[in-house]
PDB file of N, CA and C in Angstrom:
ATOM      1  N   UNK A   1       0.913  -1.170  -0.035  1.00  0.00           N
ATOM      2  CA  UNK A   1       0.100   0.036   0.136  1.00  0.00           C
ATOM      3  C   UNK A   1       0.848   1.535   0.083  1.00  0.00           C
ATOM      4  N   UNK A   2       0.415   2.356  -0.603  1.00  0.00           N
ATOM      5  CA  UNK A   2       1.111   3.608  -0.581  1.00  0.00           C
ATOM      6  C   UNK A   2       0.128   4.756  -0.567  1.00  0.00           C
ATOM      7  N   UNK A   3       0.657   5.799  -0.100  1.00  0.00           N
ATOM      8  CA  UNK A   3      -0.486   7.007   0.009  1.00  0.00           C
ATOM      9  C   UNK A   3      -0.720   7.553  -1.189  1.00  0.00           C
ATOM     10  N   UNK A   4      -1.776   8.177  -1.157  1.00  0.00           N
ATOM     11  CA  UNK A   4      -2.262   8.617  -2.522  1.00  0.00           C
ATOM     12  C   UNK A   4      -1.247   9.988  -2.972  1.00  0.00           C
ATOM     13  N   UNK A   5      -1.103  10.103  -4.079  1.00  0.00           N
ATOM     14  CA  UNK A   5      -0.282  11.295  -4.715  1.00  0.00           C
ATOM     15  C   UNK A   5      -0.527  12.458  -4.165  1.00  0.00           C
ATOM     16  N   UNK A   6      -1.837  12.778  -4.114  1.00  0.00           N
ATOM     17  CA  UNK A   6      -2.421  14.156  -3.682  1.00  0.00           C
ATOM     18  C   UNK A   6      -2.044  14.428  -2.305  1.00  0.00           C
ATOM     19  N   UNK A   7      -1.771  13.764  -1.343  1.00  0.00           N
ATOM     20  CA  UNK A   7      -1.523  13.810   0.143  1.00  0.00           C
ATOM     21  C   UNK A   7      -0.158  14.513   0.303  1.00  0.00           C
ATOM     22  N   UNK A   8      -0.316  15.719   1.034  1.00  0.00           N
ATOM     23  CA  UNK A   8       0.882  16.439   1.139  1.00  0.00           C
ATOM     24  C   UNK A   8       0.792  17.204   2.595  1.00  0.00           C
ATOM     25  N   UNK A   9       1.746  17.701   2.960  1.00  0.00           N
ATOM     26  CA  UNK A   9       1.956  18.639   4.115  1.00  0.00           C
ATOM     27  C   UNK A   9       1.515  20.035   3.800  1.00  0.00           C
ATOM     28  N   UNK A  10       0.521  20.542   4.356  1.00  0.00           N
ATOM     29  CA  UNK A  10       0.022  22.016   3.993  1.00  0.00           C
ATOM     30  C   UNK A  10       1.214  22.897   4.398  1.00  0.00           C
ATOM     31  N   UNK A  11       2.086  22.646   5.580  1.00  0.00           N
ATOM     32  CA  UNK A  11       3.319  23.424   5.497  1.00  0.00           C
ATOM     33  C   UNK A  11       4.213  23.456   4.545  1.00  0.00           C
ATOM     34  N   UNK A  12       4.436  22.761   3.745  1.00  0.00           N
ATOM     35  CA  UNK A  12       5.069  22.805   2.555  1.00  0.00           C
ATOM     36  C   UNK A  12       4.984  24.127   1.693  1.00  0.00           C
ATOM     37  N   UNK A  13       3.621  24.457   1.636  1.00  0.00           N
ATOM     38  CA  UNK A  13       3.026  25.305   0.893  1.00  0.00           C
ATOM     39  C   UNK A  13       3.405  26.689   1.375  1.00  0.00           C
ATOM     40  N   UNK A  14       3.247  26.913   2.801  1.00  0.00           N
ATOM     41  CA  UNK A  14       3.373  28.028   3.683  1.00  0.00           C
ATOM     42  C   UNK A  14       4.936  28.177   3.710  1.00  0.00           C
ATOM     43  N   UNK A  15       5.761  27.234   3.729  1.00  0.00           N
ATOM     44  CA  UNK A  15       7.267  27.324   3.499  1.00  0.00           C
ATOM     45  C   UNK A  15       7.624  28.028   2.283  1.00  0.00           C
ATOM     46  N   UNK A  16       7.247  27.519   1.330  1.00  0.00           N
ATOM     47  CA  UNK A  16       7.608  27.947   0.040  1.00  0.00           C
ATOM     48  C   UNK A  16       7.196  29.432  -0.326  1.00  0.00           C
ATOM     49  N   UNK A  17       5.979  29.680  -0.026  1.00  0.00           N
ATOM     50  CA  UNK A  17       5.565  31.029  -0.153  1.00  0.00           C
ATOM     51  C   UNK A  17       6.414  31.925   0.748  1.00  0.00           C
ATOM     52  N   UNK A  18       6.860  31.607   1.895  1.00  0.00           N
ATOM     53  CA  UNK A  18       7.748  32.488   2.808  1.00  0.00           C
ATOM     54  C   UNK A  18       9.119  32.495   2.257  1.00  0.00           C
ATOM     55  N   UNK A  19       9.555  31.432   1.442  1.00  0.00           N
ATOM     56  CA  UNK A  19      10.946  31.577   1.042  1.00  0.00           C
ATOM     57  C   UNK A  19      10.899  32.324  -0.173  1.00  0.00           C
ATOM     58  N   UNK A  20       9.812  32.464  -0.876  1.00  0.00           N
ATOM     59  CA  UNK A  20       9.754  33.418  -2.256  1.00  0.00           C
ATOM     60  C   UNK A  20       9.627  34.792  -1.758  1.00  0.00           C
ATOM     61  N   UNK A  21       8.723  34.936  -0.714  1.00  0.00           N
ATOM     62  CA  UNK A  21       8.942  36.250  -0.122  1.00  0.00           C
ATOM     63  C   UNK A  21      10.004  36.770   0.269  1.00  0.00           C
ATOM     64  N   UNK A  22      10.725  36.041   0.968  1.00  0.00           N
ATOM     65  CA  UNK A  22      12.088  36.525   1.471  1.00  0.00           C
ATOM     66  C   UNK A  22      13.335  36.515   0.373  1.00  0.00           C
ATOM     67  N   UNK A  23      12.835  36.021  -0.702  1.00  0.00           N
ATOM     68  CA  UNK A  23      13.969  35.625  -1.775  1.00  0.00           C
ATOM     69  C   UNK A  23      14.990  34.600  -1.265  1.00  0.00           C
ATOM     70  N   UNK A  24      14.951  33.631  -0.494  1.00  0.00           N
ATOM     71  CA  UNK A  24      16.024  32.882   0.048  1.00  0.00           C
ATOM     72  C   UNK A  24      16.535  32.106  -1.054  1.00  0.00           C
ATOM     73  N   UNK A  25      15.615  31.651  -1.969  1.00  0.00           N
ATOM     74  CA  UNK A  25      16.153  30.864  -3.000  1.00  0.00           C
ATOM     75  C   UNK A  25      17.155  31.532  -3.968  1.00  0.00           C
ATOM     76  N   UNK A  26      17.143  32.696  -3.869  1.00  0.00           N
ATOM     77  CA  UNK A  26      17.976  33.555  -4.532  1.00  0.00           C
ATOM     78  C   UNK A  26      19.415  33.580  -3.962  1.00  0.00           C
ATOM     79  N   UNK A  27      19.419  33.264  -2.633  1.00  0.00           N
ATOM     80  CA  UNK A  27      20.605  33.439  -1.886  1.00  0.00           C
ATOM     81  C   UNK A  27      21.359  32.293  -1.611  1.00  0.00           C
ATOM     82  N   UNK A  28      20.890  31.183  -1.760  1.00  0.00           N
ATOM     83  CA  UNK A  28      21.256  29.839  -1.515  1.00  0.00           C
ATOM     84  C   UNK A  28      21.226  29.067  -2.572  1.00  0.00           C
ATOM     85  N   UNK A  29      22.061  28.005  -2.841  1.00  0.00           N
ATOM     86  CA  UNK A  29      21.936  27.181  -3.976  1.00  0.00           C
ATOM     87  C   UNK A  29      21.083  26.108  -3.495  1.00  0.00           C
ATOM     88  N   UNK A  30      20.562  25.227  -4.766  1.00  0.00           N
ATOM     89  CA  UNK A  30      19.762  24.108  -4.504  1.00  0.00           C
ATOM     90  C   UNK A  30      20.104  23.192  -3.493  1.00  0.00           C
ATOM     91  N   UNK A  31      21.274  22.835  -3.508  1.00  0.00           N
ATOM     92  CA  UNK A  31      21.822  21.967  -2.262  1.00  0.00           C
ATOM     93  C   UNK A  31      21.647  22.638  -0.944  1.00  0.00           C
ATOM     94  N   UNK A  32      21.690  23.819  -0.487  1.00  0.00           N
ATOM     95  CA  UNK A  32      21.553  24.360   0.503  1.00  0.00           C
ATOM     96  C   UNK A  32      20.185  24.659   0.836  1.00  0.00           C
ATOM     97  N   UNK A  33      19.455  24.889   0.054  1.00  0.00           N
ATOM     98  CA  UNK A  33      17.654  24.884  -0.045  1.00  0.00           C
ATOM     99  C   UNK A  33      17.246  23.610   0.254  1.00  0.00           C
ATOM    100  N   UNK A  34      17.718  22.502  -0.028  1.00  0.00           N
ATOM    101  CA  UNK A  34      17.232  21.393   0.125  1.00  0.00           C
ATOM    102  C   UNK A  34      17.310  21.202   1.682  1.00  0.00           C
ATOM    103  N   UNK A  35      18.414  21.097   2.174  1.00  0.00           N
ATOM    104  CA  UNK A  35      18.810  20.975   3.657  1.00  0.00           C
ATOM    105  C   UNK A  35      17.855  22.164   4.469  1.00  0.00           C
ATOM    106  N   UNK A  36      17.843  23.183   3.951  1.00  0.00           N
ATOM    107  CA  UNK A  36      17.382  24.372   4.587  1.00  0.00           C
ATOM    108  C   UNK A  36      15.665  23.963   4.763  1.00  0.00           C
ATOM    109  N   UNK A  37      14.979  23.726   3.533  1.00  0.00           N
ATOM    110  CA  UNK A  37      13.575  23.170   3.886  1.00  0.00           C
ATOM    111  C   UNK A  37      13.621  22.098   4.759  1.00  0.00           C
ATOM    112  N   UNK A  38      14.265  21.105   4.622  1.00  0.00           N
ATOM    113  CA  UNK A  38      14.082  20.005   5.722  1.00  0.00           C
ATOM    114  C   UNK A  38      14.181  20.471   7.209  1.00  0.00           C
ATOM    115  N   UNK A  39      15.397  21.187   7.439  1.00  0.00           N
ATOM    116  CA  UNK A  39      15.389  22.089   8.622  1.00  0.00           C
ATOM    117  C   UNK A  39      14.265  22.687   9.260  1.00  0.00           C
ATOM    118  N   UNK A  40      13.518  23.495   8.109  1.00  0.00           N
ATOM    119  CA  UNK A  40      12.386  24.136   8.603  1.00  0.00           C
ATOM    120  C   UNK A  40      11.247  23.302   8.743  1.00  0.00           C
ATOM    121  N   UNK A  41      10.962  22.420   8.011  1.00  0.00           N
ATOM    122  CA  UNK A  41       9.846  21.633   8.060  1.00  0.00           C
ATOM    123  C   UNK A  41      10.009  20.305   9.324  1.00  0.00           C
ATOM    124  N   UNK A  42      10.986  20.077   9.699  1.00  0.00           N
ATOM    125  CA  UNK A  42      11.155  19.240  10.856  1.00  0.00           C
ATOM    126  C   UNK A  42      11.103  20.142  12.024  1.00  0.00           C
ATOM    127  N   UNK A  43      10.903  21.370  12.046  1.00  0.00           N
ATOM    128  CA  UNK A  43      10.606  22.037  13.383  1.00  0.00           C
ATOM    129  C   UNK A  43       8.965  22.253  13.503  1.00  0.00           C
ATOM    130  N   UNK A  44       8.227  22.045  12.482  1.00  0.00           N
ATOM    131  CA  UNK A  44       6.961  22.279  12.377  1.00  0.00           C
ATOM    132  C   UNK A  44       5.976  21.103  12.561  1.00  0.00           C
ATOM    133  N   UNK A  45       4.927  20.907  13.048  1.00  0.00           N
ATOM    134  CA  UNK A  45       3.965  19.891  13.114  1.00  0.00           C
ATOM    135  C   UNK A  45       3.687  19.609  11.756  1.00  0.00           C
ATOM    136  N   UNK A  46       3.392  18.474  11.425  1.00  0.00           N
ATOM    137  CA  UNK A  46       2.879  18.086  10.113  1.00  0.00           C
ATOM    138  C   UNK A  46       1.411  18.349  10.039  1.00  0.00           C
ATOM    139  N   UNK A  47       1.012  18.636   8.931  1.00  0.00           N
ATOM    140  CA  UNK A  47      -0.316  19.094   8.834  1.00  0.00           C
ATOM    141  C   UNK A  47      -0.945  18.479   7.230  1.00  0.00           C
ATOM    142  N   UNK A  48      -0.957  17.431   7.275  1.00  0.00           N
ATOM    143  CA  UNK A  48      -1.481  16.535   5.967  1.00  0.00           C
ATOM    144  C   UNK A  48      -2.729  16.673   5.553  1.00  0.00           C
ATOM    145  N   UNK A  49      -2.944  17.123   3.972  1.00  0.00           N
ATOM    146  CA  UNK A  49      -4.211  17.351   3.370  1.00  0.00           C
ATOM    147  C   UNK A  49      -4.199  16.586   2.118  1.00  0.00           C
ATOM    148  N   UNK A  50      -5.387  16.335   1.691  1.00  0.00           N
ATOM    149  CA  UNK A  50      -5.390  16.101   0.095  1.00  0.00           C
ATOM    150  C   UNK A  50      -5.360  17.463  -0.876  1.00  0.00           C
ATOM    151  N   UNK A  51      -6.262  18.365  -0.557  1.00  0.00           N
ATOM    152  CA  UNK A  51      -6.432  19.228  -1.615  1.00  0.00           C
ATOM    153  C   UNK A  51      -6.389  20.572  -0.696  1.00  0.00           C
ATOM    154  N   UNK A  52      -5.535  21.645  -1.521  1.00  0.00           N
ATOM    155  CA  UNK A  52      -5.298  22.807  -1.072  1.00  0.00           C
ATOM    156  C   UNK A  52      -6.434  23.611  -0.701  1.00  0.00           C
ATOM    157  N   UNK A  53      -7.343  23.676  -1.392  1.00  0.00           N
ATOM    158  CA  UNK A  53      -8.592  24.279  -1.291  1.00  0.00           C
ATOM    159  C   UNK A  53      -9.438  24.050  -0.231  1.00  0.00           C
ATOM    160  N   UNK A  54      -9.228  22.906   0.337  1.00  0.00           N
ATOM    161  CA  UNK A  54      -9.887  22.417   1.602  1.00  0.00           C
ATOM    162  C   UNK A  54      -9.539  23.171   2.840  1.00  0.00           C
ATOM    163  N   UNK A  55      -8.083  23.476   2.716  1.00  0.00           N
ATOM    164  CA  UNK A  55      -7.437  24.112   3.879  1.00  0.00           C
ATOM    165  C   UNK A  55      -8.058  25.678   3.643  1.00  0.00           C
ATOM    166  N   UNK A  56      -8.065  26.144   2.467  1.00  0.00           N
ATOM    167  CA  UNK A  56      -8.468  27.423   2.216  1.00  0.00           C
ATOM    168  C   UNK A  56      -9.824  27.908   2.883  1.00  0.00           C
ATOM    169  N   UNK A  57     -10.818  26.820   2.729  1.00  0.00           N
ATOM    170  CA  UNK A  57     -11.932  26.807   2.988  1.00  0.00           C
ATOM    171  C   UNK A  57     -12.515  26.695   4.545  1.00  0.00           C
ATOM    172  N   UNK A  58     -11.663  25.670   4.975  1.00  0.00           N
ATOM    173  CA  UNK A  58     -12.005  25.203   6.338  1.00  0.00           C
ATOM    174  C   UNK A  58     -11.262  25.792   7.468  1.00  0.00           C
ATOM    175  N   UNK A  59      -9.963  26.226   7.120  1.00  0.00           N
ATOM    176  CA  UNK A  59      -9.080  26.883   8.002  1.00  0.00           C
ATOM    177  C   UNK A  59      -9.304  28.018   8.465  1.00  0.00           C
ATOM    178  N   UNK A  60      -9.617  28.254   9.817  1.00  0.00           N
ATOM    179  CA  UNK A  60      -9.721  29.600  10.515  1.00  0.00           C
ATOM    180  C   UNK A  60      -8.663  30.715  10.107  1.00  0.00           C
ATOM    181  N   UNK A  61      -8.948  31.729   9.980  1.00  0.00           N
ATOM    182  CA  UNK A  61      -7.903  32.837   9.588  1.00  0.00           C
ATOM    183  C   UNK A  61      -6.959  32.934  10.970  1.00  0.00           C
ATOM    184  N   UNK A  62      -7.342  32.808  12.033  1.00  0.00           N
ATOM    185  CA  UNK A  62      -6.366  32.939  13.313  1.00  0.00           C
ATOM    186  C   UNK A  62      -5.416  31.655  13.097  1.00  0.00           C
ATOM    187  N   UNK A  63      -5.765  30.475  12.802  1.00  0.00           N
ATOM    188  CA  UNK A  63      -4.870  29.329  12.833  1.00  0.00           C
ATOM    189  C   UNK A  63      -3.976  29.493  11.399  1.00  0.00           C
ATOM    190  N   UNK A  64      -4.548  29.927  10.530  1.00  0.00           N
ATOM    191  CA  UNK A  64      -3.467  30.200   9.322  1.00  0.00           C
ATOM    192  C   UNK A  64      -2.676  31.385   9.738  1.00  0.00           C
ATOM    193  N   UNK A  65      -2.888  32.270  10.456  1.00  0.00           N
ATOM    194  CA  UNK A  65      -1.857  33.330  10.891  1.00  0.00           C
ATOM    195  C   UNK A  65      -0.952  32.720  11.851  1.00  0.00           C
ATOM    196  N   UNK A  66      -1.291  31.741  12.619  1.00  0.00           N
ATOM    197  CA  UNK A  66      -0.544  30.971  13.612  1.00  0.00           C
ATOM    198  C   UNK A  66       0.550  30.139  12.840  1.00  0.00           C
ATOM    199  N   UNK A  67       0.025  29.550  11.659  1.00  0.00           N
ATOM    200  CA  UNK A  67       0.820  28.769  10.807  1.00  0.00           C
ATOM    201  C   UNK A  67       1.864  29.325  10.292  1.00  0.00           C
ATOM    202  N   UNK A  68       1.383  30.572   9.680  1.00  0.00           N
ATOM    203  CA  UNK A  68       2.685  31.404   9.306  1.00  0.00           C
ATOM    204  C   UNK A  68       3.513  32.038  10.115  1.00  0.00           C
ATOM    205  N   UNK A  69       3.256  32.246  11.543  1.00  0.00           N
ATOM    206  CA  UNK A  69       4.065  32.657  12.328  1.00  0.00           C
ATOM    207  C   UNK A  69       5.177  31.708  12.654  1.00  0.00           C
ATOM    208  N   UNK A  70       4.534  30.359  12.922  1.00  0.00           N
ATOM    209  CA  UNK A  70       5.622  29.157  12.986  1.00  0.00           C
ATOM    210  C   UNK A  70       6.502  29.055  11.952  1.00  0.00           C
ATOM    211  N   UNK A  71       5.985  29.279  10.817  1.00  0.00           N
ATOM    212  CA  UNK A  71       7.006  29.020   9.734  1.00  0.00           C
ATOM    213  C   UNK A  71       8.126  30.199   9.678  1.00  0.00           C
ATOM    214  N   UNK A  72       7.636  31.381   9.827  1.00  0.00           N
ATOM    215  CA  UNK A  72       8.587  32.465  10.351  1.00  0.00           C
ATOM    216  C   UNK A  72       9.598  32.246  11.107  1.00  0.00           C
ATOM    217  N   UNK A  73       9.399  31.843  12.191  1.00  0.00           N
ATOM    218  CA  UNK A  73      10.064  31.436  13.455  1.00  0.00           C
ATOM    219  C   UNK A  73      11.295  30.186  12.895  1.00  0.00           C
ATOM    220  N   UNK A  74      10.635  29.093  12.098  1.00  0.00           N
ATOM    221  CA  UNK A  74      11.414  28.039  11.903  1.00  0.00           C
ATOM    222  C   UNK A  74      12.334  28.447  10.754  1.00  0.00           C
ATOM    223  N   UNK A  75      12.040  29.459   9.999  1.00  0.00           N
ATOM    224  CA  UNK A  75      12.919  29.837   8.735  1.00  0.00           C
ATOM    225  C   UNK A  75      13.886  30.849   9.463  1.00  0.00           C
ATOM    226  N   UNK A  76      13.555  31.511  10.328  1.00  0.00           N
ATOM    227  CA  UNK A  76      14.665  32.284  11.140  1.00  0.00           C
ATOM    228  C   UNK A  76      15.673  31.375  11.732  1.00  0.00           C
ATOM    229  N   UNK A  77      15.225  30.407  12.156  1.00  0.00           N
ATOM    230  CA  UNK A  77      16.200  29.418  13.069  1.00  0.00           C
ATOM    231  C   UNK A  77      17.122  28.586  12.005  1.00  0.00           C
ATOM    232  N   UNK A  78      16.366  28.342  10.795  1.00  0.00           N
ATOM    233  CA  UNK A  78      17.321  27.622   9.868  1.00  0.00           C
ATOM    234  C   UNK A  78      18.236  28.504   9.189  1.00  0.00           C
ATOM    235  N   UNK A  79      17.940  29.701   9.025  1.00  0.00           N
ATOM    236  CA  UNK A  79      18.983  30.815   8.710  1.00  0.00           C
ATOM    237  C   UNK A  79      20.111  31.041   9.703  1.00  0.00           C
ATOM    238  N   UNK A  80      19.791  31.161  10.860  1.00  0.00           N
ATOM    239  CA  UNK A  80      20.925  30.998  11.796  1.00  0.00           C
ATOM    240  C   UNK A  80      21.655  29.920  11.938  1.00  0.00           C
ATOM    241  N   UNK A  81      21.303  28.749  11.592  1.00  0.00           N
ATOM    242  CA  UNK A  81      22.039  27.283  11.601  1.00  0.00           C
ATOM    243  C   UNK A  81      22.956  27.585  10.303  1.00  0.00           C
ATOM    244  N   UNK A  82      22.566  28.142   9.381  1.00  0.00           N
ATOM    245  CA  UNK A  82      23.042  28.308   8.046  1.00  0.00           C
ATOM    246  C   UNK A  82      24.370  29.106   8.356  1.00  0.00           C
ATOM    247  N   UNK A  83      23.855  30.228   8.963  1.00  0.00           N
ATOM    248  CA  UNK A  83      25.301  31.276   9.479  1.00  0.00           C
ATOM    249  C   UNK A  83      26.145  30.704  10.068  1.00  0.00           C
ATOM    250  N   UNK A  84      25.751  29.925  11.091  1.00  0.00           N
ATOM    251  CA  UNK A  84      26.663  29.159  12.217  1.00  0.00           C
ATOM    252  C   UNK A  84      27.645  28.131  11.273  1.00  0.00           C
ATOM    253  N   UNK A  85      27.070  27.391  10.470  1.00  0.00           N
ATOM    254  CA  UNK A  85      27.703  26.562   9.632  1.00  0.00           C
ATOM    255  C   UNK A  85      28.792  27.028   8.835  1.00  0.00           C
ATOM    256  N   UNK A  86      28.268  28.292   8.114  1.00  0.00           N
ATOM    257  CA  UNK A  86      29.084  28.888   7.172  1.00  0.00           C
ATOM    258  C   UNK A  86      30.257  29.666   7.977  1.00  0.00           C
ATOM    259  N   UNK A  87      30.156  30.025   9.262  1.00  0.00           N
ATOM    260  CA  UNK A  87      30.989  30.569   9.981  1.00  0.00           C
ATOM    261  C   UNK A  87      32.217  29.788  10.616  1.00  0.00           C
ATOM    262  N   UNK A  88      31.648  28.466  10.552  1.00  0.00           N
ATOM    263  CA  UNK A  88      32.718  27.426  11.008  1.00  0.00           C
ATOM    264  C   UNK A  88      33.533  26.964   9.655  1.00  0.00           C
ATOM    265  N   UNK A  89      33.134  27.191   8.472  1.00  0.00           N
ATOM    266  CA  UNK A  89      33.864  26.761   7.335  1.00  0.00           C
ATOM    267  C   UNK A  89      34.503  27.810   6.745  1.00  0.00           C
ATOM    268  N   UNK A  90      34.511  29.059   7.532  1.00  0.00           N
ATOM    269  CA  UNK A  90      35.507  30.154   6.871  1.00  0.00           C
ATOM    270  C   UNK A  90      36.757  30.170   7.791  1.00  0.00           C
TER     271      UNK A  90
END
């Protein structure tokens, strides 16, 4: 048995939105971004869904704001980790 192809973690969408907003994908190469995304997502609770439209319809605005705040914090932590790793290699 395998999960349906449509099932995904809704936090991934919010993380990508924030990465684009901050233009982090322009600052780091693909290899760093892959590790970065893992670091961010591992700090967040999974929120699996099948259709994004369901979340748009059923997710209360206050919960969406809380999810966005969690993502922002997780991204800040990941940025700090990248900076520390970079300073160790200099």
